[in-house]
Amino acid sequence: FFFVFTGAALLACLAMYSRQPLLVAYIVLGTILGPFGLGLVQDVARLS
């Protein structure tokens, strides 16, 4: 949850600064943190 909420806050600020929709930032965050990205969140069943 720390990774998800901290990443969401950082990418949301970056998206707002670059005038992109927040939904795009959240999708990018899921791609980065997920098991096929950096792999910081491995057990996705717990977050389902």
All heavy atoms as atom14 arrays in JSON, in Angstrom:
{
  "sequence": "FFFVFTGAALLACLAMYSRQPLLVAYIVLGTILGPFGLGLVQDVARLS",
  "atom14_mask": [
    [1, 1, 1, 1, 1, 1, 1, 1, 1, 1, 1, 0, 0, 0],
    [1, 1, 1, 1, 1, 1, 1, 1, 1, 1, 1, 0, 0, 0],
    [1, 1, 1, 1, 1, 1, 1, 1, 1, 1, 1, 0, 0, 0],
    [1, 1, 1, 1, 1, 1, 1, 0, 0, 0, 0, 0, 0, 0],
    [1, 1, 1, 1, 1, 1, 1, 1, 1, 1, 1, 0, 0, 0],
    [1, 1, 1, 1, 1, 1, 1, 0, 0, 0, 0, 0, 0, 0],
    [1, 1, 1, 1, 0, 0, 0, 0, 0, 0, 0, 0, 0, 0],
    [1, 1, 1, 1, 1, 0, 0, 0, 0, 0, 0, 0, 0, 0],
    [1, 1, 1, 1, 1, 0, 0, 0, 0, 0, 0, 0, 0, 0],
    [1, 1, 1, 1, 1, 1, 1, 1, 0, 0, 0, 0, 0, 0],
    [1, 1, 1, 1, 1, 1, 1, 1, 0, 0, 0, 0, 0, 0],
    [1, 1, 1, 1, 1, 0, 0, 0, 0, 0, 0, 0, 0, 0],
    [1, 1, 1, 1, 1, 1, 0, 0, 0, 0, 0, 0, 0, 0],
    [1, 1, 1, 1, 1, 1, 1, 1, 0, 0, 0, 0, 0, 0],
    [1, 1, 1, 1, 1, 0, 0, 0, 0, 0, 0, 0, 0, 0],
    [1, 1, 1, 1, 1, 1, 1, 1, 0, 0, 0, 0, 0, 0],
    [1, 1, 1, 1, 1, 1, 1, 1, 1, 1, 1, 1, 0, 0],
    [1, 1, 1, 1, 1, 1, 0, 0, 0, 0, 0, 0, 0, 0],
    [1, 1, 1, 1, 1, 1, 1, 1, 1, 1, 1, 0, 0, 0],
    [1, 1, 1, 1, 1, 1, 1, 1, 1, 0, 0, 0, 0, 0],
    [1, 1, 1, 1, 1, 1, 1, 0, 0, 0, 0, 0, 0, 0],
    [1, 1, 1, 1, 1, 1, 1, 1, 0, 0, 0, 0, 0, 0],
    [1, 1, 1, 1, 1, 1, 1, 1, 0, 0, 0, 0, 0, 0],
    [1, 1, 1, 1, 1, 1, 1, 0, 0, 0, 0, 0, 0, 0],
    [1, 1, 1, 1, 1, 0, 0, 0, 0, 0, 0, 0, 0, 0],
    [1, 1, 1, 1, 1, 1, 1, 1, 1, 1, 1, 1, 0, 0],
    [1, 1, 1, 1, 1, 1, 1, 1, 0, 0, 0, 0, 0, 0],
    [1, 1, 1, 1, 1, 1, 1, 0, 0, 0, 0, 0, 0, 0],
    [1, 1, 1, 1, 1, 1, 1, 1, 0, 0, 0, 0, 0, 0],
    [1, 1, 1, 1, 0, 0, 0, 0, 0, 0, 0, 0, 0, 0],
    [1, 1, 1, 1, 1, 1, 1, 0, 0, 0, 0, 0, 0, 0],
    [1, 1, 1, 1, 1, 1, 1, 1, 0, 0, 0, 0, 0, 0],
    [1, 1, 1, 1, 1, 1, 1, 1, 0, 0, 0, 0, 0, 0],
    [1, 1, 1, 1, 0, 0, 0, 0, 0, 0, 0, 0, 0, 0],
    [1, 1, 1, 1, 1, 1, 1, 0, 0, 0, 0, 0, 0, 0],
    [1, 1, 1, 1, 1, 1, 1, 1, 1, 1, 1, 0, 0, 0],
    [1, 1, 1, 1, 0, 0, 0, 0, 0, 0, 0, 0, 0, 0],
    [1, 1, 1, 1, 1, 1, 1, 1, 0, 0, 0, 0, 0, 0],
    [1, 1, 1, 1, 0, 0, 0, 0, 0, 0, 0, 0, 0, 0],
    [1, 1, 1, 1, 1, 1, 1, 1, 0, 0, 0, 0, 0, 0],
    [1, 1, 1, 1, 1, 1, 1, 0, 0, 0, 0, 0, 0, 0],
    [1, 1, 1, 1, 1, 1, 1, 1, 1, 0, 0, 0, 0, 0],
    [1, 1, 1, 1, 1, 1, 1, 1, 0, 0, 0, 0, 0, 0],
    [1, 1, 1, 1, 1, 1, 1, 0, 0, 0, 0, 0, 0, 0],
    [1, 1, 1, 1, 1, 0, 0, 0, 0, 0, 0, 0, 0, 0],
    [1, 1, 1, 1, 1, 1, 1, 1, 1, 1, 1, 0, 0, 0],
    [1, 1, 1, 1, 1, 1, 1, 1, 0, 0, 0, 0, 0, 0],
    [1, 1, 1, 1, 1, 1, 0, 0, 0, 0, 0, 0, 0, 0]
  ],
  "atom14_positions": [
    [[0.82, -1.2, 0.0], [0.0, 0.0, 0.0], [0.86, 1.26, 0.0], [0.51, 2.25, -0.61], [-0.97, 0.0, 1.18], [-2.17, -0.85, 0.96], [-2.38, -1.97, 1.73], [-3.08, -0.54, -0.03], [-3.48, -2.77, 1.52], [-4.18, -1.33, -0.25], [-4.39, -2.45, 0.53], [0.0, 0.0, 0.0], [0.0, 0.0, 0.0], [0.0, 0.0, 0.0]],
    [[2.0, 1.2, 0.69], [2.92, 2.34, 0.66], [3.41, 2.6, -0.76], [3.41, 3.75, -1.23], [4.11, 2.09, 1.59], [5.17, 3.15, 1.49], [4.97, 4.39, 2.08], [6.34, 2.93, 0.8], [5.93, 5.38, 1.99], [7.31, 3.91, 0.69], [7.11, 5.14, 1.3], [0.0, 0.0, 0.0], [0.0, 0.0, 0.0], [0.0, 0.0, 0.0]],
    [[3.83, 1.55, -1.47], [4.29, 1.71, -2.85], [3.18, 2.26, -3.73], [3.4, 3.16, -4.55], [4.76, 0.37, -3.43], [6.05, -0.13, -2.85], [6.23, -1.48, -2.62], [7.08, 0.73, -2.55], [7.41, -1.95, -2.1], [8.27, 0.27, -2.03], [8.45, -1.09, -1.8], [0.0, 0.0, 0.0], [0.0, 0.0, 0.0], [0.0, 0.0, 0.0]],
    [[1.97, 1.74, -3.58], [0.86, 2.15, -4.43], [0.49, 3.61, -4.18], [0.36, 4.41, -5.12], [-0.35, 1.22, -4.23], [-1.58, 1.77, -4.91], [-0.04, -0.17, -4.76], [0.0, 0.0, 0.0], [0.0, 0.0, 0.0], [0.0, 0.0, 0.0], [0.0, 0.0, 0.0], [0.0, 0.0, 0.0], [0.0, 0.0, 0.0], [0.0, 0.0, 0.0]],
    [[0.29, 3.98, -2.93], [-0.16, 5.34, -2.64], [0.93, 6.39, -2.86], [0.66, 7.49, -3.35], [-0.71, 5.44, -1.22], [-2.04, 4.78, -1.06], [-2.22, 3.73, -0.18], [-3.12, 5.18, -1.82], [-3.45, 3.11, -0.05], [-4.35, 4.57, -1.7], [-4.51, 3.53, -0.81], [0.0, 0.0, 0.0], [0.0, 0.0, 0.0], [0.0, 0.0, 0.0]],
    [[2.17, 6.06, -2.54], [3.26, 7.0, -2.78], [3.48, 7.19, -4.28], [3.63, 8.31, -4.77], [4.55, 6.51, -2.12], [4.31, 6.32, -0.73], [5.68, 7.5, -2.3], [0.0, 0.0, 0.0], [0.0, 0.0, 0.0], [0.0, 0.0, 0.0], [0.0, 0.0, 0.0], [0.0, 0.0, 0.0], [0.0, 0.0, 0.0], [0.0, 0.0, 0.0]],
    [[3.48, 6.07, -5.01], [3.64, 6.16, -6.46], [2.49, 6.9, -7.12], [2.69, 7.68, -8.06], [0.0, 0.0, 0.0], [0.0, 0.0, 0.0], [0.0, 0.0, 0.0], [0.0, 0.0, 0.0], [0.0, 0.0, 0.0], [0.0, 0.0, 0.0], [0.0, 0.0, 0.0], [0.0, 0.0, 0.0], [0.0, 0.0, 0.0], [0.0, 0.0, 0.0]],
    [[1.28, 6.67, -6.62], [0.11, 7.36, -7.17], [0.22, 8.87, -6.94], [-0.1, 9.66, -7.84], [-1.17, 6.82, -6.56], [0.0, 0.0, 0.0], [0.0, 0.0, 0.0], [0.0, 0.0, 0.0], [0.0, 0.0, 0.0], [0.0, 0.0, 0.0], [0.0, 0.0, 0.0], [0.0, 0.0, 0.0], [0.0, 0.0, 0.0], [0.0, 0.0, 0.0]],
    [[0.67, 9.27, -5.77], [0.8, 10.7, -5.5], [1.87, 11.34, -6.39], [1.66, 12.42, -6.96], [1.15, 10.91, -4.03], [0.0, 0.0, 0.0], [0.0, 0.0, 0.0], [0.0, 0.0, 0.0], [0.0, 0.0, 0.0], [0.0, 0.0, 0.0], [0.0, 0.0, 0.0], [0.0, 0.0, 0.0], [0.0, 0.0, 0.0], [0.0, 0.0, 0.0]],
    [[3.0, 10.66, -6.53], [4.07, 11.22, -7.35], [3.7, 11.28, -8.83], [3.9, 12.3, -9.49], [5.34, 10.39, -7.17], [5.99, 10.45, -5.8], [7.16, 9.48, -5.71], [6.45, 11.86, -5.49], [0.0, 0.0, 0.0], [0.0, 0.0, 0.0], [0.0, 0.0, 0.0], [0.0, 0.0, 0.0], [0.0, 0.0, 0.0], [0.0, 0.0, 0.0]],
    [[3.13, 10.19, -9.34], [2.76, 10.2, -10.75], [1.57, 11.1, -11.03], [1.46, 11.66, -12.12], [2.47, 8.78, -11.23], [3.71, 7.94, -11.55], [3.31, 6.57, -12.04], [4.59, 8.61, -12.56], [0.0, 0.0, 0.0], [0.0, 0.0, 0.0], [0.0, 0.0, 0.0], [0.0, 0.0, 0.0], [0.0, 0.0, 0.0], [0.0, 0.0, 0.0]],
    [[0.68, 11.28, -10.06], [-0.44, 12.2, -10.24], [0.06, 13.63, -10.35], [-0.43, 14.41, -11.18], [-1.43, 12.05, -9.1], [0.0, 0.0, 0.0], [0.0, 0.0, 0.0], [0.0, 0.0, 0.0], [0.0, 0.0, 0.0], [0.0, 0.0, 0.0], [0.0, 0.0, 0.0], [0.0, 0.0, 0.0], [0.0, 0.0, 0.0], [0.0, 0.0, 0.0]],
    [[1.03, 13.99, -9.53], [1.61, 15.33, -9.63], [2.3, 15.53, -10.98], [2.16, 16.57, -11.61], [2.61, 15.56, -8.5], [1.86, 15.72, -6.88], [0.0, 0.0, 0.0], [0.0, 0.0, 0.0], [0.0, 0.0, 0.0], [0.0, 0.0, 0.0], [0.0, 0.0, 0.0], [0.0, 0.0, 0.0], [0.0, 0.0, 0.0], [0.0, 0.0, 0.0]],
    [[3.02, 14.51, -11.42], [3.69, 14.58, -12.71], [2.69, 14.67, -13.85], [2.88, 15.44, -14.8], [4.59, 13.36, -12.88], [5.55, 13.39, -14.05], [6.65, 14.41, -13.79], [6.14, 12.02, -14.26], [0.0, 0.0, 0.0], [0.0, 0.0, 0.0], [0.0, 0.0, 0.0], [0.0, 0.0, 0.0], [0.0, 0.0, 0.0], [0.0, 0.0, 0.0]],
    [[1.59, 13.91, -13.75], [0.57, 13.94, -14.79], [-0.14, 15.29, -14.83], [-0.44, 15.82, -15.91], [-0.45, 12.82, -14.57], [0.0, 0.0, 0.0], [0.0, 0.0, 0.0], [0.0, 0.0, 0.0], [0.0, 0.0, 0.0], [0.0, 0.0, 0.0], [0.0, 0.0, 0.0], [0.0, 0.0, 0.0], [0.0, 0.0, 0.0], [0.0, 0.0, 0.0]],
    [[-0.43, 15.86, -13.67], [-1.09, 17.16, -13.65], [-0.17, 18.25, -14.19], [-0.63, 19.16, -14.87], [-1.54, 17.49, -12.22], [-2.69, 16.6, -11.77], [-3.18, 16.89, -10.07], [-3.85, 18.51, -10.16], [0.0, 0.0, 0.0], [0.0, 0.0, 0.0], [0.0, 0.0, 0.0], [0.0, 0.0, 0.0], [0.0, 0.0, 0.0], [0.0, 0.0, 0.0]],
    [[1.12, 18.13, -13.89], [2.08, 19.11, -14.4], [2.18, 19.03, -15.92], [2.3, 20.04, -16.6], [3.45, 18.87, -13.76], [4.5, 19.84, -14.2], [4.49, 21.16, -13.76], [5.5, 19.46, -15.07], [5.44, 22.07, -14.17], [6.47, 20.35, -15.49], [6.44, 21.66, -15.04], [7.38, 22.55, -15.45], [0.0, 0.0, 0.0], [0.0, 0.0, 0.0]],
    [[2.11, 17.82, -16.47], [2.21, 17.65, -17.92], [0.84, 17.65, -18.6], [0.73, 17.36, -19.78], [2.95, 16.37, -18.26], [2.26, 15.26, -17.76], [0.0, 0.0, 0.0], [0.0, 0.0, 0.0], [0.0, 0.0, 0.0], [0.0, 0.0, 0.0], [0.0, 0.0, 0.0], [0.0, 0.0, 0.0], [0.0, 0.0, 0.0], [0.0, 0.0, 0.0]],
    [[-0.21, 17.96, -17.83], [-1.59, 18.08, -18.32], [-2.1, 16.8, -18.99], [-2.7, 16.82, -20.03], [-1.71, 19.26, -19.27], [-1.45, 20.55, -18.55], [-1.71, 21.72, -19.42], [-1.41, 22.91, -18.62], [-1.19, 24.09, -19.13], [-1.23, 24.25, -20.42], [-0.95, 25.1, -18.36], [0.0, 0.0, 0.0], [0.0, 0.0, 0.0], [0.0, 0.0, 0.0]],
    [[-1.81, 15.68, -18.33], [-2.3, 14.39, -18.76], [-3.39, 13.94, -17.79], [-3.4, 14.34, -16.63], [-1.17, 13.35, -18.77], [-0.06, 13.68, -19.75], [-0.56, 13.7, -21.17], [-1.33, 12.85, -21.58], [-0.11, 14.7, -21.92], [0.0, 0.0, 0.0], [0.0, 0.0, 0.0], [0.0, 0.0, 0.0], [0.0, 0.0, 0.0], [0.0, 0.0, 0.0]],
    [[-4.31, 13.08, -18.22], [-5.34, 12.59, -17.31], [-4.74, 11.73, -16.21], [-3.74, 11.02, -16.42], [-6.26, 11.75, -18.2], [-5.79, 11.91, -19.58], [-4.5, 12.63, -19.58], [0.0, 0.0, 0.0], [0.0, 0.0, 0.0], [0.0, 0.0, 0.0], [0.0, 0.0, 0.0], [0.0, 0.0, 0.0], [0.0, 0.0, 0.0], [0.0, 0.0, 0.0]],
    [[-5.33, 11.8, -15.04], [-4.83, 11.02, -13.91], [-4.96, 9.52, -14.16], [-4.15, 8.74, -13.66], [-5.59, 11.4, -12.64], [-5.28, 12.78, -12.08], [-6.13, 13.03, -10.85], [-3.82, 12.91, -11.75], [0.0, 0.0, 0.0], [0.0, 0.0, 0.0], [0.0, 0.0, 0.0], [0.0, 0.0, 0.0], [0.0, 0.0, 0.0], [0.0, 0.0, 0.0]],
    [[-5.95, 9.13, -14.92], [-6.14, 7.71, -15.19], [-4.93, 7.13, -15.91], [-4.51, 6.01, -15.63], [-7.41, 7.5, -16.02], [-7.82, 6.07, -16.27], [-8.08, 5.36, -14.95], [-9.04, 6.02, -17.13], [0.0, 0.0, 0.0], [0.0, 0.0, 0.0], [0.0, 0.0, 0.0], [0.0, 0.0, 0.0], [0.0, 0.0, 0.0], [0.0, 0.0, 0.0]],
    [[-4.32, 7.89, -16.8], [-3.12, 7.44, -17.49], [-1.98, 7.23, -16.49], [-1.24, 6.25, -16.57], [-2.72, 8.45, -18.59], [-1.38, 8.1, -19.2], [-3.79, 8.53, -19.65], [0.0, 0.0, 0.0], [0.0, 0.0, 0.0], [0.0, 0.0, 0.0], [0.0, 0.0, 0.0], [0.0, 0.0, 0.0], [0.0, 0.0, 0.0], [0.0, 0.0, 0.0]],
    [[-1.85, 8.13, -15.53], [-0.81, 8.0, -14.51], [-1.02, 6.75, -13.67], [-0.06, 6.05, -13.35], [-0.78, 9.24, -13.62], [0.0, 0.0, 0.0], [0.0, 0.0, 0.0], [0.0, 0.0, 0.0], [0.0, 0.0, 0.0], [0.0, 0.0, 0.0], [0.0, 0.0, 0.0], [0.0, 0.0, 0.0], [0.0, 0.0, 0.0], [0.0, 0.0, 0.0]],
    [[-2.26, 6.45, -13.33], [-2.54, 5.27, -12.51], [-2.29, 3.99, -13.28], [-1.8, 3.01, -12.72], [-3.96, 5.31, -11.99], [-4.23, 6.48, -11.08], [-5.5, 7.05, -11.01], [-3.24, 7.04, -10.29], [-5.76, 8.12, -10.17], [-3.49, 8.11, -9.47], [-4.75, 8.64, -9.41], [-5.0, 9.7, -8.6], [0.0, 0.0, 0.0], [0.0, 0.0, 0.0]],
    [[-2.58, 3.97, -14.57], [-2.31, 2.79, -15.39], [-0.8, 2.59, -15.52], [-0.3, 1.46, -15.42], [-2.98, 2.92, -16.77], [-4.5, 2.83, -16.6], [-2.48, 1.86, -17.73], [-5.28, 3.13, -17.86], [0.0, 0.0, 0.0], [0.0, 0.0, 0.0], [0.0, 0.0, 0.0], [0.0, 0.0, 0.0], [0.0, 0.0, 0.0], [0.0, 0.0, 0.0]],
    [[-0.06, 3.67, -15.72], [1.4, 3.57, -15.8], [1.97, 3.08, -14.48], [2.88, 2.24, -14.45], [2.01, 4.93, -16.21], [3.51, 4.94, -16.05], [1.62, 5.26, -17.63], [0.0, 0.0, 0.0], [0.0, 0.0, 0.0], [0.0, 0.0, 0.0], [0.0, 0.0, 0.0], [0.0, 0.0, 0.0], [0.0, 0.0, 0.0], [0.0, 0.0, 0.0]],
    [[1.43, 3.56, -13.37], [1.9, 3.11, -12.06], [1.67, 1.62, -11.88], [2.56, 0.91, -11.39], [1.18, 3.88, -10.95], [1.55, 3.45, -9.53], [2.98, 3.83, -9.22], [0.59, 4.04, -8.54], [0.0, 0.0, 0.0], [0.0, 0.0, 0.0], [0.0, 0.0, 0.0], [0.0, 0.0, 0.0], [0.0, 0.0, 0.0], [0.0, 0.0, 0.0]],
    [[0.51, 1.13, -12.27], [0.24, -0.3, -12.17], [1.18, -1.12, -13.02], [1.62, -2.21, -12.63], [0.0, 0.0, 0.0], [0.0, 0.0, 0.0], [0.0, 0.0, 0.0], [0.0, 0.0, 0.0], [0.0, 0.0, 0.0], [0.0, 0.0, 0.0], [0.0, 0.0, 0.0], [0.0, 0.0, 0.0], [0.0, 0.0, 0.0], [0.0, 0.0, 0.0]],
    [[1.53, -0.6, -14.17], [2.47, -1.29, -15.04], [3.87, -1.31, -14.45], [4.57, -2.31, -14.52], [2.51, -0.6, -16.42], [1.17, -0.54, -16.94], [3.39, -1.35, -17.39], [0.0, 0.0, 0.0], [0.0, 0.0, 0.0], [0.0, 0.0, 0.0], [0.0, 0.0, 0.0], [0.0, 0.0, 0.0], [0.0, 0.0, 0.0], [0.0, 0.0, 0.0]],
    [[4.26, -0.22, -13.84], [5.6, -0.14, -13.25], [5.72, -1.02, -12.01], [6.69, -1.76, -11.84], [5.96, 1.32, -12.9], [6.13, 2.14, -14.18], [7.23, 1.4, -12.06], [6.26, 3.63, -13.93], [0.0, 0.0, 0.0], [0.0, 0.0, 0.0], [0.0, 0.0, 0.0], [0.0, 0.0, 0.0], [0.0, 0.0, 0.0], [0.0, 0.0, 0.0]],
    [[4.75, -0.95, -11.11], [4.84, -1.67, -9.84], [4.48, -3.14, -9.93], [4.85, -3.92, -9.07], [3.92, -1.01, -8.79], [4.3, 0.36, -8.32], [3.31, 0.84, -7.27], [5.7, 0.39, -7.76], [0.0, 0.0, 0.0], [0.0, 0.0, 0.0], [0.0, 0.0, 0.0], [0.0, 0.0, 0.0], [0.0, 0.0, 0.0], [0.0, 0.0, 0.0]],
    [[3.75, -3.52, -10.95], [3.26, -4.88, -11.06], [4.34, -5.92, -11.26], [5.53, -5.61, -11.39], [0.0, 0.0, 0.0], [0.0, 0.0, 0.0], [0.0, 0.0, 0.0], [0.0, 0.0, 0.0], [0.0, 0.0, 0.0], [0.0, 0.0, 0.0], [0.0, 0.0, 0.0], [0.0, 0.0, 0.0], [0.0, 0.0, 0.0], [0.0, 0.0, 0.0]],
    [[3.93, -7.19, -11.31], [4.91, -8.27, -11.41], [5.67, -8.3, -12.73], [6.73, -8.9, -12.82], [4.06, -9.53, -11.23], [2.67, -9.13, -11.52], [2.57, -7.68, -11.2], [0.0, 0.0, 0.0], [0.0, 0.0, 0.0], [0.0, 0.0, 0.0], [0.0, 0.0, 0.0], [0.0, 0.0, 0.0], [0.0, 0.0, 0.0], [0.0, 0.0, 0.0]],
    [[5.16, -7.65, -13.77], [5.85, -7.63, -15.05], [6.69, -6.38, -15.24], [7.41, -6.26, -16.23], [4.85, -7.77, -16.2], [4.08, -9.05, -16.13], [2.73, -9.03, -15.84], [4.7, -10.26, -16.33], [2.01, -10.2, -15.76], [4.0, -11.44, -16.25], [2.65, -11.42, -15.97], [0.0, 0.0, 0.0], [0.0, 0.0, 0.0], [0.0, 0.0, 0.0]],
    [[6.6, -5.44, -14.31], [7.42, -4.23, -14.36], [8.64, -4.4, -13.48], [9.46, -5.29, -13.69], [0.0, 0.0, 0.0], [0.0, 0.0, 0.0], [0.0, 0.0, 0.0], [0.0, 0.0, 0.0], [0.0, 0.0, 0.0], [0.0, 0.0, 0.0], [0.0, 0.0, 0.0], [0.0, 0.0, 0.0], [0.0, 0.0, 0.0], [0.0, 0.0, 0.0]],
    [[8.75, -3.55, -12.46], [9.86, -3.66, -11.52], [9.68, -4.81, -10.55], [10.62, -5.23, -9.9], [10.01, -2.35, -10.72], [10.41, -1.12, -11.52], [10.43, 0.1, -10.62], [11.76, -1.32, -12.17], [0.0, 0.0, 0.0], [0.0, 0.0, 0.0], [0.0, 0.0, 0.0], [0.0, 0.0, 0.0], [0.0, 0.0, 0.0], [0.0, 0.0, 0.0]],
    [[8.46, -5.29, -10.42], [8.2, -6.43, -9.54], [8.16, -6.07, -8.06], [8.4, -6.93, -7.22], [0.0, 0.0, 0.0], [0.0, 0.0, 0.0], [0.0, 0.0, 0.0], [0.0, 0.0, 0.0], [0.0, 0.0, 0.0], [0.0, 0.0, 0.0], [0.0, 0.0, 0.0], [0.0, 0.0, 0.0], [0.0, 0.0, 0.0], [0.0, 0.0, 0.0]],
    [[7.87, -4.82, -7.74], [7.8, -4.44, -6.33], [6.59, -5.05, -5.64], [6.63, -5.33, -4.45], [7.77, -2.92, -6.2], [9.03, -2.19, -6.66], [8.84, -0.69, -6.58], [10.21, -2.62, -5.83], [0.0, 0.0, 0.0], [0.0, 0.0, 0.0], [0.0, 0.0, 0.0], [0.0, 0.0, 0.0], [0.0, 0.0, 0.0], [0.0, 0.0, 0.0]],
    [[5.52, -5.24, -6.37], [4.32, -5.88, -5.82], [4.19, -7.24, -6.5], [3.83, -7.34, -7.67], [3.06, -5.01, -6.08], [1.82, -5.71, -5.57], [3.21, -3.67, -5.42], [0.0, 0.0, 0.0], [0.0, 0.0, 0.0], [0.0, 0.0, 0.0], [0.0, 0.0, 0.0], [0.0, 0.0, 0.0], [0.0, 0.0, 0.0], [0.0, 0.0, 0.0]],
    [[4.53, -8.29, -5.77], [4.51, -9.64, -6.33], [3.18, -10.36, -6.09], [2.67, -11.03, -6.97], [5.64, -10.48, -5.73], [7.01, -10.05, -6.18], [7.25, -10.4, -7.62], [6.74, -11.38, -8.15], [8.04, -9.59, -8.29], [0.0, 0.0, 0.0], [0.0, 0.0, 0.0], [0.0, 0.0, 0.0], [0.0, 0.0, 0.0], [0.0, 0.0, 0.0]],
    [[2.65, -10.24, -4.9], [1.44, -10.98, -4.53], [0.21, -10.14, -4.86], [-0.36, -9.48, -4.0], [1.48, -11.34, -3.05], [0.38, -12.29, -2.64], [-0.26, -12.87, -3.54], [0.18, -12.46, -1.43], [0.0, 0.0, 0.0], [0.0, 0.0, 0.0], [0.0, 0.0, 0.0], [0.0, 0.0, 0.0], [0.0, 0.0, 0.0], [0.0, 0.0, 0.0]],
    [[-0.21, -10.17, -6.12], [-1.32, -9.33, -6.55], [-2.66, -9.84, -6.03], [-3.64, -9.1, -6.02], [-1.36, -9.19, -8.08], [-0.17, -8.41, -8.56], [-1.44, -10.53, -8.76], [0.0, 0.0, 0.0], [0.0, 0.0, 0.0], [0.0, 0.0, 0.0], [0.0, 0.0, 0.0], [0.0, 0.0, 0.0], [0.0, 0.0, 0.0], [0.0, 0.0, 0.0]],
    [[-2.72, -11.08, -5.59], [-3.97, -11.63, -5.05], [-4.36, -10.91, -3.76], [-5.55, -10.79, -3.46], [-3.83, -13.11, -4.81], [0.0, 0.0, 0.0], [0.0, 0.0, 0.0], [0.0, 0.0, 0.0], [0.0, 0.0, 0.0], [0.0, 0.0, 0.0], [0.0, 0.0, 0.0], [0.0, 0.0, 0.0], [0.0, 0.0, 0.0], [0.0, 0.0, 0.0]],
    [[-3.4, -10.44, -3.01], [-3.71, -9.73, -1.76], [-4.3, -8.36, -2.02], [-4.99, -7.79, -1.18], [-2.46, -9.6, -0.9], [-1.96, -10.95, -0.42], [-0.88, -10.8, 0.54], [-1.47, -10.3, 1.79], [-0.79, -10.25, 2.91], [0.45, -10.65, 2.96], [-1.36, -9.78, 3.99], [0.0, 0.0, 0.0], [0.0, 0.0, 0.0], [0.0, 0.0, 0.0]],
    [[-4.02, -7.8, -3.18], [-4.54, -6.48, -3.52], [-5.75, -6.54, -4.44], [-6.21, -5.51, -4.93], [-3.44, -5.65, -4.21], [-2.23, -5.31, -3.37], [-1.21, -4.58, -4.21], [-2.61, -4.49, -2.16], [0.0, 0.0, 0.0], [0.0, 0.0, 0.0], [0.0, 0.0, 0.0], [0.0, 0.0, 0.0], [0.0, 0.0, 0.0], [0.0, 0.0, 0.0]],
    [[-6.27, -7.71, -4.7], [-7.34, -7.87, -5.7], [-8.62, -7.08, -5.39], [-9.28, -6.66, -6.33], [-7.65, -9.34, -5.91], [-8.18, -9.92, -4.75], [0.0, 0.0, 0.0], [0.0, 0.0, 0.0], [0.0, 0.0, 0.0], [0.0, 0.0, 0.0], [0.0, 0.0, 0.0], [0.0, 0.0, 0.0], [0.0, 0.0, 0.0], [0.0, 0.0, 0.0]]
  ]
}
